[in-house]
Amino acid sequence: MRRAHVVGAGLAGLSAAVALTEAGFAVTLSDAARQAGGRCRSYRDPQLGLVIDNGNHLVLSGNHTVRDYLAKIGAGDRLAGPGEARFPYMDVVSGRRWELRPNSGPLPWWILAGNRRVPGTKPGDYLALAKLLKARPDQRIRDVLPTEGPLWEGFLVNFLVSALNTPAAEGSAALVGAVVRETLAKGGAACLPLVAEPTLAAAFVEPALAWLEARGATIRLGRRLRAVGWDERRVAALDFADGREDVAPGEPVILAVPAWVAADLIAGLTVPDQHNAIVNAHFLHPAPQGAAPITGVIGGTAEWVFAFPDRLSTTTSAGDHLLDEDREALAARLWADVAKVHDLSASLPRWQLVVEKRATFAATPKQDRRRPCAQTKWDNLFLAGDWTKTGLPATIEGALRSGWTAAALAHRMETGTVAC
């Protein structure tokens, strides 16, 4: 059985390991952390006494790689969401509420119904979104769409910053166009908002590890890769903190580590070098009965409020402007948004902030051009990660897709038909 090495046990590495194992490789999966999952990990927080996710992640029903991956590892039932596309919003300044409700099919008749679209918008406003589908790689959002008016303020700013983790107007129009093409442009059936249940680890990580172990894969955590040994056009060795591991000719290596780690390991590799933060807050307060699983926030510090049975949580993307704030003061500001959304007391409950300072690359046209292909100039080395050239922003869908891509290239290397 041919061996394969996957370094990095985030979602990209897990998907690569699953695909290679299914293709018949004896996979060794290594990670510097003592817990798999990367940024999509869950842990028991002592301050709250709860198991929480490192970050709140939303996927859409049109994310086909997510569905395929979860089905493969036996976790197809681990996503929860409504039976139709419903996105409740609240403007926490004015107190106004509304729902964005795309109809199921691709013909967007919902924009003709006033109770399904953003208040103050007209049907013609939404036609401008079609420009995203034809956006060039060098175009920013502000080059393609108007960045003012009810549609921008009541929906697009919130949607775009969440999709890109980048200030909305400066983000890549082409990357957003790819998201729209696979979701909103296909109708509401491809836009159902889905959240991992009960946690990210329970949905995406633990079932994958169990699936791999049941099929003989070797999983080694707490094992940092310090250097790569080269032999002309191939990787010949992996120098881990716990010892050197030789890589035989013909054995593929998939590097599924963060972009800055890959750049340290591979001289001359061009990767995105600007990253943006995501700030998540978790509050020890059960969701009110009948609360929407997720609510968009306009005019607040939070962008989304998530309702879980045992807690309420918020997410703020492109959150670098919040990093220097006093933690308790920031928690209070975020709770004020939650309290308004769910009509709760302003008294701050027990809380925890989880800040990912380099959550994703900045999804601007300039940074998108720095994303490398999965295939490298070395015969047996392949890259995976949401920062590689997936055609999508840094999303769960993109991370999983990158793993499949790298594994497919590694498998074709074995058969002598590698092509980027």
Protein backbone atom coordinates (compact mmCIF):
# COMPACT_ATOMS: atom_id res chain seq x y z
CA MET A 1 0.00 0.00 0.00
CA ARG A 2 1.40 3.40 -1.01
CA ARG A 3 2.00 5.80 1.87
CA ALA A 4 0.88 9.43 1.92
CA HIS A 5 1.69 12.21 4.35
CA VAL A 6 -0.76 14.97 5.30
CA VAL A 7 0.59 17.72 7.53
CA GLY A 8 -2.15 19.80 9.15
CA ALA A 9 -5.36 18.43 10.65
CA GLY A 10 -7.67 21.36 10.04
CA LEU A 11 -10.60 20.85 7.70
CA ALA A 12 -8.39 21.00 4.60
CA GLY A 13 -6.06 18.35 5.98
CA LEU A 14 -8.90 16.17 7.22
CA SER A 15 -10.65 16.23 3.84
CA ALA A 16 -7.36 15.42 2.07
CA ALA A 17 -6.69 12.55 4.46
CA VAL A 18 -10.20 11.14 3.97
CA ALA A 19 -9.90 11.33 0.17
CA LEU A 20 -6.46 9.70 0.11
CA THR A 21 -7.52 6.96 2.51
CA GLU A 22 -10.53 6.22 0.34
CA ALA A 23 -8.19 6.04 -2.68
CA GLY A 24 -6.18 3.29 -0.99
CA PHE A 25 -3.26 5.20 0.54
CA ALA A 26 -1.87 4.48 4.00
CA VAL A 27 -2.17 8.00 5.39
CA THR A 28 -0.22 9.58 8.22
CA LEU A 29 -1.96 12.74 9.42
CA SER A 30 0.13 15.06 11.61
CA ASP A 31 -0.59 18.37 13.32
CA ALA A 32 1.36 20.67 15.61
CA ALA A 33 -1.67 21.21 17.83
CA ARG A 34 -2.87 18.60 20.31
CA GLN A 35 -6.39 18.93 18.94
CA ALA A 36 -7.51 18.48 15.35
CA GLY A 37 -9.80 20.93 13.60
CA GLY A 38 -7.63 24.03 13.21
CA ARG A 39 -9.83 27.13 13.40
CA CYS A 40 -12.94 24.92 13.40
CA ARG A 41 -12.33 23.38 16.79
CA SER A 42 -14.49 23.07 19.88
CA TYR A 43 -13.37 23.08 23.49
CA ARG A 44 -14.75 23.15 27.01
CA ASP A 45 -14.51 26.69 28.29
CA PRO A 46 -13.94 26.86 32.06
CA GLN A 47 -15.33 30.38 32.35
CA LEU A 48 -18.71 29.31 30.94
CA GLY A 49 -18.63 25.64 31.91
CA LEU A 50 -19.77 24.81 28.37
CA VAL A 51 -18.37 23.25 25.24
CA ILE A 52 -18.14 26.07 22.72
CA ASP A 53 -16.81 26.47 19.21
CA ASN A 54 -13.70 28.50 18.55
CA GLY A 55 -15.82 30.49 16.12
CA ASN A 56 -19.40 30.51 14.90
CA HIS A 57 -19.49 29.16 11.37
CA LEU A 58 -22.46 29.25 9.02
CA VAL A 59 -22.66 27.12 5.88
CA LEU A 60 -25.31 27.19 3.16
CA SER A 61 -27.16 24.27 1.64
CA GLY A 62 -25.54 25.04 -1.72
CA ASN A 63 -22.10 24.16 -0.29
CA HIS A 64 -21.93 20.79 -2.03
CA THR A 65 -18.44 19.85 -0.80
CA VAL A 66 -19.60 20.30 2.79
CA ARG A 67 -22.51 17.94 2.16
CA ASP A 68 -20.32 15.37 0.39
CA TYR A 69 -17.66 15.46 3.11
CA LEU A 70 -20.14 15.05 5.96
CA ALA A 71 -21.92 12.22 4.14
CA LYS A 72 -18.60 10.46 3.55
CA ILE A 73 -17.61 10.51 7.24
CA GLY A 74 -21.09 9.54 8.43
CA ALA A 75 -22.05 12.96 9.76
CA GLY A 76 -24.66 14.00 7.22
CA ASP A 77 -27.14 14.69 10.01
CA ARG A 78 -24.90 17.10 11.93
CA LEU A 79 -26.13 20.33 10.33
CA ALA A 80 -29.28 22.04 11.58
CA GLY A 81 -31.32 24.80 10.00
CA PRO A 82 -34.74 25.90 8.78
CA GLY A 83 -36.67 24.15 6.04
CA GLU A 84 -36.71 27.28 3.92
CA ALA A 85 -34.31 30.16 3.33
CA ARG A 86 -35.19 32.73 5.98
CA PHE A 87 -32.74 35.37 7.16
CA PRO A 88 -34.18 37.52 9.95
CA TYR A 89 -32.56 40.91 10.48
CA MET A 90 -32.81 43.64 13.07
CA ASP A 91 -31.58 47.21 12.94
CA VAL A 92 -30.56 47.67 16.57
CA VAL A 93 -30.54 51.46 16.20
CA SER A 94 -34.07 51.91 14.87
CA GLY A 95 -35.50 48.67 16.25
CA ARG A 96 -36.87 47.72 12.82
CA ARG A 97 -37.07 44.04 11.92
CA TRP A 98 -37.47 42.21 8.61
CA GLU A 99 -36.76 38.93 6.87
CA LEU A 100 -34.92 38.21 3.66
CA ARG A 101 -36.73 35.22 2.13
CA PRO A 102 -35.56 34.00 -1.28
CA ASN A 103 -37.97 31.57 -2.94
CA SER A 104 -36.79 28.01 -3.51
CA GLY A 105 -36.31 28.08 -7.29
CA PRO A 106 -33.74 29.97 -9.37
CA LEU A 107 -36.29 32.41 -10.85
CA PRO A 108 -36.12 35.18 -8.20
CA TRP A 109 -39.76 36.22 -7.94
CA TRP A 110 -39.19 36.92 -4.23
CA ILE A 111 -37.72 40.33 -5.07
CA LEU A 112 -41.22 41.37 -6.22
CA ALA A 113 -42.68 40.73 -2.75
CA GLY A 114 -42.20 43.59 -0.32
CA ASN A 115 -42.34 41.30 2.72
CA ARG A 116 -39.47 39.18 1.40
CA ARG A 117 -36.91 41.87 0.69
CA VAL A 118 -35.05 44.58 2.61
CA PRO A 119 -37.27 47.53 3.61
CA GLY A 120 -36.89 50.51 1.33
CA THR A 121 -35.54 48.49 -1.58
CA LYS A 122 -37.10 48.04 -5.01
CA PRO A 123 -37.00 44.93 -7.22
CA GLY A 124 -34.61 46.62 -9.63
CA ASP A 125 -32.04 47.14 -6.86
CA TYR A 126 -31.39 43.41 -6.71
CA LEU A 127 -30.65 43.08 -10.42
CA ALA A 128 -27.30 44.77 -9.78
CA LEU A 129 -26.18 41.58 -7.99
CA ALA A 130 -25.96 39.88 -11.38
CA LYS A 131 -22.87 42.02 -12.04
CA LEU A 132 -21.03 39.98 -9.43
CA LEU A 133 -21.33 36.88 -11.61
CA LYS A 134 -19.26 38.55 -14.32
CA ALA A 135 -16.80 40.39 -12.10
CA ARG A 136 -13.14 40.40 -13.10
CA PRO A 137 -10.44 39.19 -10.67
CA ASP A 138 -9.08 42.74 -10.35
CA GLN A 139 -12.38 44.32 -9.34
CA ARG A 140 -13.37 45.28 -5.83
CA ILE A 141 -16.97 45.27 -4.65
CA ARG A 142 -17.10 49.05 -4.87
CA ASP A 143 -16.09 48.83 -8.54
CA VAL A 144 -19.15 46.69 -9.29
CA LEU A 145 -21.94 47.59 -6.85
CA PRO A 146 -23.28 50.84 -5.39
CA THR A 147 -22.01 51.12 -1.82
CA GLU A 148 -24.90 53.12 -0.39
CA GLY A 149 -28.64 52.86 -0.14
CA PRO A 150 -31.08 50.51 1.62
CA LEU A 151 -29.87 47.29 -0.06
CA TRP A 152 -26.24 48.00 0.78
CA GLU A 153 -26.93 49.10 4.35
CA GLY A 154 -29.67 46.57 5.11
CA PHE A 155 -28.13 43.44 3.61
CA LEU A 156 -25.01 43.67 1.47
CA VAL A 157 -22.58 45.08 4.05
CA ASN A 158 -23.53 42.34 6.49
CA PHE A 159 -23.45 39.58 3.85
CA LEU A 160 -20.24 40.66 2.16
CA VAL A 161 -18.11 41.20 5.24
CA SER A 162 -19.21 37.79 6.53
CA ALA A 163 -18.45 36.02 3.26
CA LEU A 164 -15.05 37.67 2.81
CA ASN A 165 -13.92 38.59 6.34
CA THR A 166 -12.83 41.82 4.70
CA PRO A 167 -14.34 45.32 4.73
CA ALA A 168 -17.18 44.99 2.26
CA ALA A 169 -16.34 47.66 -0.30
CA GLU A 170 -12.70 46.57 -0.58
CA GLY A 171 -13.38 42.86 -1.03
CA SER A 172 -12.95 40.88 -4.23
CA ALA A 173 -16.04 41.06 -6.40
CA ALA A 174 -15.01 37.87 -8.21
CA LEU A 175 -14.81 35.85 -4.99
CA VAL A 176 -18.24 37.05 -3.89
CA GLY A 177 -19.51 36.27 -7.38
CA ALA A 178 -18.36 32.66 -6.90
CA VAL A 179 -20.33 32.43 -3.65
CA VAL A 180 -23.45 33.95 -5.23
CA ARG A 181 -23.16 31.64 -8.25
CA GLU A 182 -23.28 28.53 -6.03
CA THR A 183 -25.96 29.75 -3.62
CA LEU A 184 -28.21 32.79 -4.13
CA ALA A 185 -28.22 32.53 -7.93
CA LYS A 186 -29.59 28.99 -7.62
CA GLY A 187 -32.49 30.07 -5.43
CA GLY A 188 -33.48 29.68 -1.83
CA ALA A 189 -33.04 25.89 -1.87
CA ALA A 190 -29.28 26.52 -2.11
CA CYS A 191 -29.36 29.24 0.57
CA LEU A 192 -30.64 27.41 3.63
CA PRO A 193 -28.52 28.63 6.58
CA LEU A 194 -27.03 25.64 8.39
CA VAL A 195 -25.13 25.47 11.68
CA ALA A 196 -23.10 22.54 13.04
CA GLU A 197 -24.96 20.57 15.70
CA PRO A 198 -24.13 20.24 18.53
CA THR A 199 -20.62 21.64 17.84
CA LEU A 200 -18.15 22.10 15.00
CA ALA A 201 -15.97 19.30 16.33
CA ALA A 202 -18.92 16.92 16.59
CA ALA A 203 -19.89 17.63 12.99
CA PHE A 204 -16.65 18.11 11.07
CA VAL A 205 -13.75 16.80 13.12
CA GLU A 206 -14.54 13.89 15.45
CA PRO A 207 -16.41 11.82 12.83
CA ALA A 208 -13.52 12.33 10.38
CA LEU A 209 -10.95 11.17 12.92
CA ALA A 210 -13.05 8.12 13.75
CA TRP A 211 -13.52 7.36 10.03
CA LEU A 212 -9.78 7.60 9.40
CA GLU A 213 -8.80 5.49 12.42
CA ALA A 214 -11.31 2.79 11.46
CA ARG A 215 -9.56 2.51 8.08
CA GLY A 216 -6.04 2.28 9.42
CA ALA A 217 -4.85 5.90 9.07
CA THR A 218 -2.20 7.04 11.55
CA ILE A 219 -3.08 10.25 13.40
CA ARG A 220 -0.30 12.02 15.28
CA LEU A 221 -1.17 15.26 17.06
CA GLY A 222 1.14 17.57 19.01
CA ARG A 223 3.77 17.05 16.33
CA ARG A 224 5.20 20.21 14.79
CA LEU A 225 6.86 20.13 11.38
CA ARG A 226 10.13 22.07 11.70
CA ALA A 227 11.58 21.68 8.21
CA VAL A 228 11.23 19.92 4.88
CA GLY A 229 14.08 17.93 3.38
CA TRP A 230 14.48 18.20 -0.39
CA ASP A 231 16.00 15.92 -2.99
CA GLU A 232 16.08 17.84 -6.26
CA ARG A 233 12.44 17.89 -7.43
CA ARG A 234 10.77 16.13 -4.54
CA VAL A 235 10.25 16.12 -0.79
CA ALA A 236 12.59 13.52 0.67
CA ALA A 237 12.02 13.97 4.40
CA LEU A 238 9.83 15.68 6.97
CA ASP A 239 11.69 16.94 10.03
CA PHE A 240 9.22 16.89 12.92
CA ALA A 241 9.96 18.02 16.45
CA ASP A 242 9.78 14.38 17.53
CA GLY A 243 12.08 13.09 14.80
CA ARG A 244 12.80 12.90 11.10
CA GLU A 245 10.54 10.89 8.78
CA ASP A 246 11.83 9.83 5.37
CA VAL A 247 9.56 10.18 2.36
CA ALA A 248 10.10 7.47 -0.21
CA PRO A 249 9.99 8.20 -3.96
CA GLY A 250 6.41 8.25 -5.15
CA GLU A 251 4.95 9.10 -1.74
CA PRO A 252 2.87 12.30 -1.86
CA VAL A 253 3.02 15.01 0.80
CA ILE A 254 0.12 17.39 1.33
CA LEU A 255 0.91 20.49 3.31
CA ALA A 256 -2.34 21.73 4.87
CA VAL A 257 -0.96 24.28 7.30
CA PRO A 258 -1.65 28.04 7.64
CA ALA A 259 -0.28 30.21 4.86
CA TRP A 260 2.46 31.78 6.98
CA VAL A 261 3.65 28.36 8.16
CA ALA A 262 3.80 27.10 4.58
CA ALA A 263 5.84 30.17 3.58
CA ASP A 264 8.34 29.46 6.38
CA LEU A 265 8.72 25.85 5.29
CA ILE A 266 8.96 26.43 1.53
CA ALA A 267 11.43 29.08 0.39
CA GLY A 268 10.06 31.38 -2.29
CA LEU A 269 6.43 30.33 -1.89
CA THR A 270 4.04 33.21 -2.52
CA VAL A 271 1.05 33.20 -0.17
CA PRO A 272 -1.47 35.77 1.09
CA ASP A 273 0.33 37.94 3.63
CA GLN A 274 -2.50 40.08 4.98
CA HIS A 275 -5.04 38.57 7.36
CA ASN A 276 -8.12 39.82 9.16
CA ALA A 277 -9.51 39.01 12.57
CA ILE A 278 -12.83 37.49 13.59
CA VAL A 279 -14.28 38.22 17.04
CA ASN A 280 -16.75 35.79 18.60
CA ALA A 281 -18.57 36.27 21.89
CA HIS A 282 -20.37 33.58 23.88
CA PHE A 283 -22.86 34.38 26.62
CA LEU A 284 -24.14 31.99 29.27
CA HIS A 285 -27.81 32.57 28.58
CA PRO A 286 -30.14 30.01 27.01
CA ALA A 287 -31.84 30.95 23.79
CA PRO A 288 -35.39 32.26 24.32
CA GLN A 289 -38.11 29.89 23.22
CA GLY A 290 -38.75 30.20 19.51
CA ALA A 291 -35.60 32.26 18.87
CA ALA A 292 -34.30 32.21 15.31
CA PRO A 293 -31.10 30.14 15.05
CA ILE A 294 -29.30 33.08 13.46
CA THR A 295 -30.21 36.77 13.15
CA GLY A 296 -28.40 39.42 11.14
CA VAL A 297 -27.59 42.63 12.99
CA ILE A 298 -27.57 46.03 11.31
CA GLY A 299 -26.08 49.06 13.04
CA GLY A 300 -24.46 47.16 15.90
CA THR A 301 -21.07 45.80 16.88
CA ALA A 302 -22.14 42.22 16.21
CA GLU A 303 -23.00 41.11 12.69
CA TRP A 304 -24.78 37.87 13.53
CA VAL A 305 -26.43 36.56 16.68
CA PHE A 306 -26.53 32.77 17.03
CA ALA A 307 -29.05 31.09 19.33
CA PHE A 308 -28.02 27.77 20.88
CA PRO A 309 -29.95 25.86 23.54
CA ASP A 310 -27.34 26.64 26.20
CA ARG A 311 -25.92 29.98 25.06
CA LEU A 312 -26.20 33.01 22.81
CA SER A 313 -23.25 33.94 20.61
CA THR A 314 -22.17 36.68 18.25
CA THR A 315 -19.74 36.96 15.36
CA THR A 316 -18.02 40.06 14.01
CA SER A 317 -15.90 39.59 10.89
CA ALA A 318 -13.10 41.92 9.79
CA GLY A 319 -12.87 42.68 13.49
CA ASP A 320 -9.38 44.18 13.64
CA HIS A 321 -10.86 47.48 14.83
CA LEU A 322 -12.02 45.72 18.00
CA LEU A 323 -8.74 44.08 19.00
CA ASP A 324 -7.49 46.87 21.26
CA GLU A 325 -10.75 47.35 23.14
CA ASP A 326 -11.15 46.41 26.78
CA ARG A 327 -12.54 42.87 26.76
CA GLU A 328 -15.34 43.44 29.27
CA ALA A 329 -16.41 46.66 27.59
CA LEU A 330 -16.49 44.89 24.24
CA ALA A 331 -18.47 41.98 25.71
CA ALA A 332 -20.98 44.49 27.09
CA ARG A 333 -21.37 46.15 23.67
CA LEU A 334 -21.93 42.82 22.00
CA TRP A 335 -24.40 41.72 24.66
CA ALA A 336 -26.33 44.96 24.11
CA ASP A 337 -26.90 43.82 20.51
CA VAL A 338 -27.98 40.36 21.67
CA ALA A 339 -30.33 41.83 24.27
CA LYS A 340 -32.01 44.01 21.64
CA VAL A 341 -32.37 41.15 19.16
CA HIS A 342 -33.96 38.83 21.71
CA ASP A 343 -35.60 41.42 24.00
CA LEU A 344 -33.54 40.48 27.05
CA SER A 345 -32.23 42.29 30.11
CA ALA A 346 -29.23 44.54 29.49
CA SER A 347 -27.48 42.97 32.49
CA LEU A 348 -24.33 41.24 31.21
CA PRO A 349 -24.32 37.47 31.87
CA ARG A 350 -21.17 35.35 32.13
CA TRP A 351 -19.28 35.70 28.90
CA GLN A 352 -16.26 34.66 26.90
CA LEU A 353 -14.58 36.33 23.93
CA VAL A 354 -12.76 34.20 21.38
CA VAL A 355 -10.57 36.23 19.05
CA GLU A 356 -8.85 34.77 16.00
CA LYS A 357 -6.39 37.50 15.01
CA ARG A 358 -5.38 35.89 11.72
CA ALA A 359 -8.65 34.15 11.00
CA THR A 360 -8.49 34.32 7.18
CA PHE A 361 -6.55 36.06 4.47
CA ALA A 362 -7.85 39.48 3.45
CA ALA A 363 -10.07 38.65 0.48
CA THR A 364 -9.03 41.55 -1.72
CA PRO A 365 -8.07 41.24 -5.39
CA LYS A 366 -4.41 41.82 -4.46
CA GLN A 367 -4.36 39.07 -1.86
CA ASP A 368 -6.36 36.72 -4.06
CA ARG A 369 -3.59 36.96 -6.67
CA ARG A 370 -1.11 35.68 -4.08
CA ARG A 371 -2.96 32.41 -3.53
CA PRO A 372 -0.94 29.46 -4.83
CA CYS A 373 -2.21 26.48 -6.78
CA ALA A 374 -2.51 23.13 -5.00
CA GLN A 375 0.20 21.73 -7.25
CA THR A 376 3.77 22.93 -6.64
CA LYS A 377 6.99 22.72 -8.64
CA TRP A 378 8.00 19.70 -6.56
CA ASP A 379 6.77 16.39 -7.93
CA ASN A 380 5.27 15.03 -4.72
CA LEU A 381 4.29 18.17 -2.80
CA PHE A 382 0.76 19.57 -2.83
CA LEU A 383 -0.89 22.39 -0.90
CA ALA A 384 -4.29 22.53 0.80
CA GLY A 385 -6.01 25.23 2.78
CA ASP A 386 -8.65 27.89 2.31
CA TRP A 387 -5.78 30.25 1.41
CA THR A 388 -4.89 28.27 -1.73
CA LYS A 389 -6.45 28.99 -5.11
CA THR A 390 -9.90 27.50 -4.56
CA GLY A 391 -11.89 30.17 -6.42
CA LEU A 392 -13.79 30.86 -3.18
CA PRO A 393 -13.17 33.07 -0.14
CA ALA A 394 -11.74 31.49 3.00
CA THR A 395 -14.78 29.40 3.93
CA ILE A 396 -15.44 25.89 5.20
CA GLU A 397 -16.52 24.97 1.68
CA GLY A 398 -13.24 26.30 0.28
CA ALA A 399 -11.12 24.52 2.89
CA LEU A 400 -12.77 21.16 2.27
CA ARG A 401 -12.61 21.64 -1.48
CA SER A 402 -8.90 22.39 -1.29
CA GLY A 403 -8.31 19.09 0.48
CA TRP A 404 -10.18 17.14 -2.20
CA THR A 405 -8.19 18.96 -4.90
CA ALA A 406 -4.80 18.26 -3.32
CA ALA A 407 -5.71 14.61 -2.77
CA ALA A 408 -6.87 14.22 -6.37
CA LEU A 409 -3.59 15.67 -7.64
CA ALA A 410 -1.61 13.38 -5.33
CA HIS A 411 -3.53 10.36 -6.59
CA ARG A 412 -2.97 11.33 -10.20
CA MET A 413 0.74 11.69 -9.45
CA GLU A 414 0.69 7.98 -8.67
CA THR A 415 -0.86 7.24 -12.06
CA GLY A 416 1.39 9.69 -13.89
CA THR A 417 -1.29 12.15 -15.04
CA VAL A 418 -0.80 15.15 -12.75
CA ALA A 419 -2.16 18.43 -14.08
CA CYS A 420 -2.80 21.65 -12.20
